Amino acid sequence: MHRHLDVLEAVMRMVFDPTEAEGLRAAARDAALEDPTLAYVLLDLADRGVDLGAARTWEEIKAERGLDGPAPAAGDGQQQVA
């Protein structure tokens, strides 16, 4: 039974191949001094991947944060220069 749960968990996690993971680690090194939070997130992605079971939709995130209305359409709020 325990083995079955391990397989199920693996299906719900997106992981990066070694080349992609190294690219994320390199980007984390580049960002470390300027944005340590971004560096941490990139390293975490490289090491653990993405838990697809914990993924949320944009609608769920908006409701959680009390945001109303649809996402802005492209061009909304931008000034047009003639």
Foldseek 3Di string as FASTA:
>chain_A
DVVVVVVVQVVQFDADDPVVLVVLQVVLVVCCVVDVVSSVVSNCCSVGGDRNVPDDDPVVVCVVVVHDDDDDDPPPPDDDDD
